[in-house]
Amino acid sequence: MKIAEVGDIIEFRDGLRGIVEKVNENSVIVDVTYMDNYRDLELEQKTVVNHKNYKIVKEKATS
């Protein structure tokens, strides 16, 4: 399993998506305001997701 890096876009919990802001040993902190319907879902701006519970949708572009 590949671990996400800061700036990657991940998908978790039934289609929610977000941008990885911090990588911890067992989890990542994700900014979910990336989603257009974020306000409609009444979610917190950030959430913690275990490495086992997401897939990388798009890796951060490297310069």
PDB file of N, CA and C in Angstrom:
ATOM      1  N   MET A   1       0.841  -1.176   0.000  1.00  0.00           N
ATOM      2  CA  MET A   1       0.000   0.000   0.000  1.00  0.00           C
ATOM      3  C   MET A   1       0.890   1.245   0.000  1.00  0.00           C
ATOM      4  N   LYS A   2       0.580   2.178  -0.886  1.00  0.00           N
ATOM      5  CA  LYS A   2       1.341   3.421  -0.969  1.00  0.00           C
ATOM      6  C   LYS A   2       0.737   4.446  -0.018  1.00  0.00           C
ATOM      7  N   ILE A   3       1.563   5.092   0.745  1.00  0.00           N
ATOM      8  CA  ILE A   3       1.108   6.118   1.687  1.00  0.00           C
ATOM      9  C   ILE A   3       1.070   7.459   0.974  1.00  0.00           C
ATOM     10  N   ALA A   4      -0.015   8.191   1.195  1.00  0.00           N
ATOM     11  CA  ALA A   4      -0.189   9.501   0.567  1.00  0.00           C
ATOM     12  C   ALA A   4       0.856  10.482   1.089  1.00  0.00           C
ATOM     13  N   GLU A   5       1.110  11.508   0.286  1.00  0.00           N
ATOM     14  CA  GLU A   5       2.021  12.572   0.670  1.00  0.00           C
ATOM     15  C   GLU A   5       1.257  13.889   0.722  1.00  0.00           C
ATOM     16  N   VAL A   6       1.836  14.886   1.349  1.00  0.00           N
ATOM     17  CA  VAL A   6       1.215  16.201   1.432  1.00  0.00           C
ATOM     18  C   VAL A   6       0.925  16.709   0.020  1.00  0.00           C
ATOM     19  N   GLY A   7      -0.309  17.158  -0.202  1.00  0.00           N
ATOM     20  CA  GLY A   7      -0.709  17.670  -1.505  1.00  0.00           C
ATOM     21  C   GLY A   7      -1.459  16.673  -2.360  1.00  0.00           C
ATOM     22  N   ASP A   8      -1.400  15.381  -2.006  1.00  0.00           N
ATOM     23  CA  ASP A   8      -2.143  14.368  -2.748  1.00  0.00           C
ATOM     24  C   ASP A   8      -3.642  14.513  -2.478  1.00  0.00           C
ATOM     25  N   ILE A   9      -4.451  14.109  -3.441  1.00  0.00           N
ATOM     26  CA  ILE A   9      -5.895  14.070  -3.260  1.00  0.00           C
ATOM     27  C   ILE A   9      -6.260  12.613  -3.009  1.00  0.00           C
ATOM     28  N   ILE A  10      -6.997  12.378  -1.915  1.00  0.00           N
ATOM     29  CA  ILE A  10      -7.383  11.015  -1.571  1.00  0.00           C
ATOM     30  C   ILE A  10      -8.898  10.894  -1.529  1.00  0.00           C
ATOM     31  N   GLU A  11      -9.369   9.650  -1.640  1.00  0.00           N
ATOM     32  CA  GLU A  11     -10.789   9.350  -1.520  1.00  0.00           C
ATOM     33  C   GLU A  11     -10.957   8.389  -0.360  1.00  0.00           C
ATOM     34  N   PHE A  12     -11.970   8.622   0.456  1.00  0.00           N
ATOM     35  CA  PHE A  12     -12.209   7.798   1.639  1.00  0.00           C
ATOM     36  C   PHE A  12     -13.694   7.800   1.951  1.00  0.00           C
ATOM     37  N   ARG A  13     -14.091   6.950   2.841  1.00  0.00           N
ATOM     38  CA  ARG A  13     -15.457   6.864   3.351  1.00  0.00           C
ATOM     39  C   ARG A  13     -16.545   7.154   2.311  1.00  0.00           C
ATOM     40  N   ASP A  14     -16.791   6.229   1.423  1.00  0.00           N
ATOM     41  CA  ASP A  14     -17.883   6.307   0.445  1.00  0.00           C
ATOM     42  C   ASP A  14     -17.833   7.524  -0.467  1.00  0.00           C
ATOM     43  N   GLY A  15     -16.651   7.834  -0.994  1.00  0.00           N
ATOM     44  CA  GLY A  15     -16.557   8.862  -2.022  1.00  0.00           C
ATOM     45  C   GLY A  15     -16.155  10.250  -1.573  1.00  0.00           C
ATOM     46  N   LEU A  16     -15.937  10.463  -0.277  1.00  0.00           N
ATOM     47  CA  LEU A  16     -15.465  11.775   0.156  1.00  0.00           C
ATOM     48  C   LEU A  16     -14.036  11.954  -0.328  1.00  0.00           C
ATOM     49  N   ARG A  17     -13.687  13.180  -0.696  1.00  0.00           N
ATOM     50  CA  ARG A  17     -12.333  13.473  -1.170  1.00  0.00           C
ATOM     51  C   ARG A  17     -11.757  14.663  -0.424  1.00  0.00           C
ATOM     52  N   GLY A  18     -10.440  14.696  -0.360  1.00  0.00           N
ATOM     53  CA  GLY A  18      -9.775  15.811   0.280  1.00  0.00           C
ATOM     54  C   GLY A  18      -8.301  15.849  -0.068  1.00  0.00           C
ATOM     55  N   ILE A  19      -7.673  16.943   0.328  1.00  0.00           N
ATOM     56  CA  ILE A  19      -6.242  17.151   0.080  1.00  0.00           C
ATOM     57  C   ILE A  19      -5.480  16.869   1.363  1.00  0.00           C
ATOM     58  N   VAL A  20      -4.447  16.053   1.250  1.00  0.00           N
ATOM     59  CA  VAL A  20      -3.634  15.697   2.409  1.00  0.00           C
ATOM     60  C   VAL A  20      -2.822  16.914   2.850  1.00  0.00           C
ATOM     61  N   GLU A  21      -2.959  17.272   4.128  1.00  0.00           N
ATOM     62  CA  GLU A  21      -2.213  18.404   4.679  1.00  0.00           C
ATOM     63  C   GLU A  21      -1.041  17.962   5.549  1.00  0.00           C
ATOM     64  N   LYS A  22      -1.180  16.798   6.194  1.00  0.00           N
ATOM     65  CA  LYS A  22      -0.111  16.313   7.064  1.00  0.00           C
ATOM     66  C   LYS A  22      -0.142  14.797   7.072  1.00  0.00           C
ATOM     67  N   VAL A  23       1.038  14.196   7.073  1.00  0.00           N
ATOM     68  CA  VAL A  23       1.157  12.739   7.120  1.00  0.00           C
ATOM     69  C   VAL A  23       1.705  12.353   8.484  1.00  0.00           C
ATOM     70  N   ASN A  24       0.973  11.496   9.182  1.00  0.00           N
ATOM     71  CA  ASN A  24       1.406  10.972  10.471  1.00  0.00           C
ATOM     72  C   ASN A  24       1.803   9.510  10.302  1.00  0.00           C
ATOM     73  N   GLU A  25       2.238   8.887  11.373  1.00  0.00           N
ATOM     74  CA  GLU A  25       2.698   7.500  11.294  1.00  0.00           C
ATOM     75  C   GLU A  25       1.589   6.554  10.824  1.00  0.00           C
ATOM     76  N   ASN A  26       0.383   6.711  11.348  1.00  0.00           N
ATOM     77  CA  ASN A  26      -0.708   5.796  11.027  1.00  0.00           C
ATOM     78  C   ASN A  26      -1.867   6.433  10.277  1.00  0.00           C
ATOM     79  N   SER A  27      -1.780   7.735  10.003  1.00  0.00           N
ATOM     80  CA  SER A  27      -2.917   8.425   9.399  1.00  0.00           C
ATOM     81  C   SER A  27      -2.467   9.687   8.672  1.00  0.00           C
ATOM     82  N   VAL A  28      -3.441  10.298   7.996  1.00  0.00           N
ATOM     83  CA  VAL A  28      -3.212  11.593   7.352  1.00  0.00           C
ATOM     84  C   VAL A  28      -4.284  12.562   7.816  1.00  0.00           C
ATOM     85  N   ILE A  29      -3.951  13.845   7.824  1.00  0.00           N
ATOM     86  CA  ILE A  29      -4.933  14.893   8.098  1.00  0.00           C
ATOM     87  C   ILE A  29      -5.326  15.470   6.752  1.00  0.00           C
ATOM     88  N   VAL A  30      -6.642  15.516   6.515  1.00  0.00           N
ATOM     89  CA  VAL A  30      -7.174  15.851   5.194  1.00  0.00           C
ATOM     90  C   VAL A  30      -8.073  17.081   5.271  1.00  0.00           C
ATOM     91  N   ASP A  31      -7.891  18.000   4.310  1.00  0.00           N
ATOM     92  CA  ASP A  31      -8.745  19.168   4.169  1.00  0.00           C
ATOM     93  C   ASP A  31      -9.862  18.800   3.197  1.00  0.00           C
ATOM     94  N   VAL A  32     -11.099  18.697   3.686  1.00  0.00           N
ATOM     95  CA  VAL A  32     -12.215  18.276   2.843  1.00  0.00           C
ATOM     96  C   VAL A  32     -12.919  19.436   2.147  1.00  0.00           C
ATOM     97  N   THR A  33     -12.453  20.668   2.353  1.00  0.00           N
ATOM     98  CA  THR A  33     -13.060  21.804   1.654  1.00  0.00           C
ATOM     99  C   THR A  33     -12.759  21.753   0.161  1.00  0.00           C
ATOM    100  N   TYR A  34     -11.933  20.807  -0.256  1.00  0.00           N
ATOM    101  CA  TYR A  34     -11.628  20.571  -1.673  1.00  0.00           C
ATOM    102  C   TYR A  34     -12.897  20.216  -2.456  1.00  0.00           C
ATOM    103  N   MET A  35     -13.846  19.538  -1.807  1.00  0.00           N
ATOM    104  CA  MET A  35     -15.074  19.104  -2.479  1.00  0.00           C
ATOM    105  C   MET A  35     -16.020  20.294  -2.683  1.00  0.00           C
ATOM    106  N   ASP A  36     -16.632  20.357  -3.852  1.00  0.00           N
ATOM    107  CA  ASP A  36     -17.576  21.443  -4.149  1.00  0.00           C
ATOM    108  C   ASP A  36     -18.772  21.436  -3.206  1.00  0.00           C
ATOM    109  N   ASN A  37     -19.241  20.263  -2.820  1.00  0.00           N
ATOM    110  CA  ASN A  37     -20.435  20.164  -1.973  1.00  0.00           C
ATOM    111  C   ASN A  37     -20.099  20.041  -0.492  1.00  0.00           C
ATOM    112  N   TYR A  38     -18.935  20.467  -0.106  1.00  0.00           N
ATOM    113  CA  TYR A  38     -18.468  20.353   1.274  1.00  0.00           C
ATOM    114  C   TYR A  38     -19.451  20.992   2.263  1.00  0.00           C
ATOM    115  N   ARG A  39     -19.964  22.178   1.958  1.00  0.00           N
ATOM    116  CA  ARG A  39     -20.892  22.858   2.877  1.00  0.00           C
ATOM    117  C   ARG A  39     -22.228  22.115   2.993  1.00  0.00           C
ATOM    118  N   ASP A  40     -22.683  21.538   1.899  1.00  0.00           N
ATOM    119  CA  ASP A  40     -23.946  20.794   1.911  1.00  0.00           C
ATOM    120  C   ASP A  40     -23.860  19.554   2.806  1.00  0.00           C
ATOM    121  N   LEU A  41     -22.690  18.968   2.917  1.00  0.00           N
ATOM    122  CA  LEU A  41     -22.503  17.755   3.703  1.00  0.00           C
ATOM    123  C   LEU A  41     -22.345  18.027   5.194  1.00  0.00           C
ATOM    124  N   GLU A  42     -22.202  19.304   5.561  1.00  0.00           N
ATOM    125  CA  GLU A  42     -22.053  19.719   6.958  1.00  0.00           C
ATOM    126  C   GLU A  42     -20.916  18.976   7.665  1.00  0.00           C
ATOM    127  N   LEU A  43     -19.772  18.989   7.022  1.00  0.00           N
ATOM    128  CA  LEU A  43     -18.579  18.348   7.571  1.00  0.00           C
ATOM    129  C   LEU A  43     -17.662  19.380   8.212  1.00  0.00           C
ATOM    130  N   GLU A  44     -16.798  18.902   9.087  1.00  0.00           N
ATOM    131  CA  GLU A  44     -15.714  19.737   9.590  1.00  0.00           C
ATOM    132  C   GLU A  44     -14.743  19.986   8.439  1.00  0.00           C
ATOM    133  N   GLN A  45     -13.947  21.055   8.528  1.00  0.00           N
ATOM    134  CA  GLN A  45     -13.004  21.373   7.452  1.00  0.00           C
ATOM    135  C   GLN A  45     -11.914  20.330   7.306  1.00  0.00           C
ATOM    136  N   LYS A  46     -11.510  19.730   8.411  1.00  0.00           N
ATOM    137  CA  LYS A  46     -10.415  18.755   8.381  1.00  0.00           C
ATOM    138  C   LYS A  46     -10.846  17.484   9.097  1.00  0.00           C
ATOM    139  N   THR A  47     -10.251  16.378   8.670  1.00  0.00           N
ATOM    140  CA  THR A  47     -10.524  15.103   9.319  1.00  0.00           C
ATOM    141  C   THR A  47      -9.272  14.235   9.275  1.00  0.00           C
ATOM    142  N   VAL A  48      -9.246  13.219  10.104  1.00  0.00           N
ATOM    143  CA  VAL A  48      -8.123  12.291  10.166  1.00  0.00           C
ATOM    144  C   VAL A  48      -8.564  10.971   9.539  1.00  0.00           C
ATOM    145  N   VAL A  49      -7.723  10.428   8.657  1.00  0.00           N
ATOM    146  CA  VAL A  49      -8.042   9.171   7.977  1.00  0.00           C
ATOM    147  C   VAL A  49      -6.858   8.217   8.125  1.00  0.00           C
ATOM    148  N   ASN A  50      -7.134   7.011   8.577  1.00  0.00           N
ATOM    149  CA  ASN A  50      -6.110   5.985   8.713  1.00  0.00           C
ATOM    150  C   ASN A  50      -5.598   5.589   7.334  1.00  0.00           C
ATOM    151  N   HIS A  51      -4.323   5.236   7.249  1.00  0.00           N
ATOM    152  CA  HIS A  51      -3.722   4.854   5.970  1.00  0.00           C
ATOM    153  C   HIS A  51      -4.460   3.680   5.313  1.00  0.00           C
ATOM    154  N   LYS A  52      -5.085   2.821   6.105  1.00  0.00           N
ATOM    155  CA  LYS A  52      -5.803   1.660   5.564  1.00  0.00           C
ATOM    156  C   LYS A  52      -7.125   2.045   4.905  1.00  0.00           C
ATOM    157  N   ASN A  53      -7.603   3.270   5.160  1.00  0.00           N
ATOM    158  CA  ASN A  53      -8.971   3.631   4.790  1.00  0.00           C
ATOM    159  C   ASN A  53      -9.085   4.651   3.665  1.00  0.00           C
ATOM    160  N   TYR A  54      -8.076   4.782   2.840  1.00  0.00           N
ATOM    161  CA  TYR A  54      -8.178   5.705   1.703  1.00  0.00           C
ATOM    162  C   TYR A  54      -7.452   5.157   0.501  1.00  0.00           C
ATOM    163  N   LYS A  55      -7.749   5.762  -0.650  1.00  0.00           N
ATOM    164  CA  LYS A  55      -6.962   5.470  -1.848  1.00  0.00           C
ATOM    165  C   LYS A  55      -6.556   6.809  -2.453  1.00  0.00           C
ATOM    166  N   ILE A  56      -5.385   6.836  -3.058  1.00  0.00           N
ATOM    167  CA  ILE A  56      -4.876   8.055  -3.670  1.00  0.00           C
ATOM    168  C   ILE A  56      -5.549   8.221  -5.020  1.00  0.00           C
ATOM    169  N   VAL A  57      -6.203   9.368  -5.231  1.00  0.00           N
ATOM    170  CA  VAL A  57      -6.889   9.652  -6.479  1.00  0.00           C
ATOM    171  C   VAL A  57      -5.946  10.391  -7.435  1.00  0.00           C
ATOM    172  N   LYS A  58      -5.214  11.352  -6.875  1.00  0.00           N
ATOM    173  CA  LYS A  58      -4.292  12.140  -7.699  1.00  0.00           C
ATOM    174  C   LYS A  58      -3.091  12.532  -6.839  1.00  0.00           C
ATOM    175  N   GLU A  59      -1.923  12.239  -7.359  1.00  0.00           N
ATOM    176  CA  GLU A  59      -0.713  12.608  -6.637  1.00  0.00           C
ATOM    177  C   GLU A  59      -0.364  14.062  -6.909  1.00  0.00           C
ATOM    178  N   LYS A  60       0.266  14.678  -5.929  1.00  0.00           N
ATOM    179  CA  LYS A  60       0.690  16.072  -6.080  1.00  0.00           C
ATOM    180  C   LYS A  60       1.640  16.192  -7.261  1.00  0.00           C
ATOM    181  N   ALA A  61       1.422  17.218  -8.043  1.00  0.00           N
ATOM    182  CA  ALA A  61       2.305  17.455  -9.182  1.00  0.00           C
ATOM    183  C   ALA A  61       3.686  17.847  -8.696  1.00  0.00           C
ATOM    184  N   THR A  62       4.713  17.255  -9.273  1.00  0.00           N
ATOM    185  CA  THR A  62       6.080  17.602  -8.901  1.00  0.00           C
ATOM    186  C   THR A  62       6.648  18.559  -9.919  1.00  0.00           C
ATOM    187  N   SER A  63       7.447  19.500  -9.469  1.00  0.00           N
ATOM    188  CA  SER A  63       8.005  20.512 -10.369  1.00  0.00           C
ATOM    189  C   SER A  63       9.253  20.013 -11.037  1.00  0.00           C
TER     190      SER A  63
END
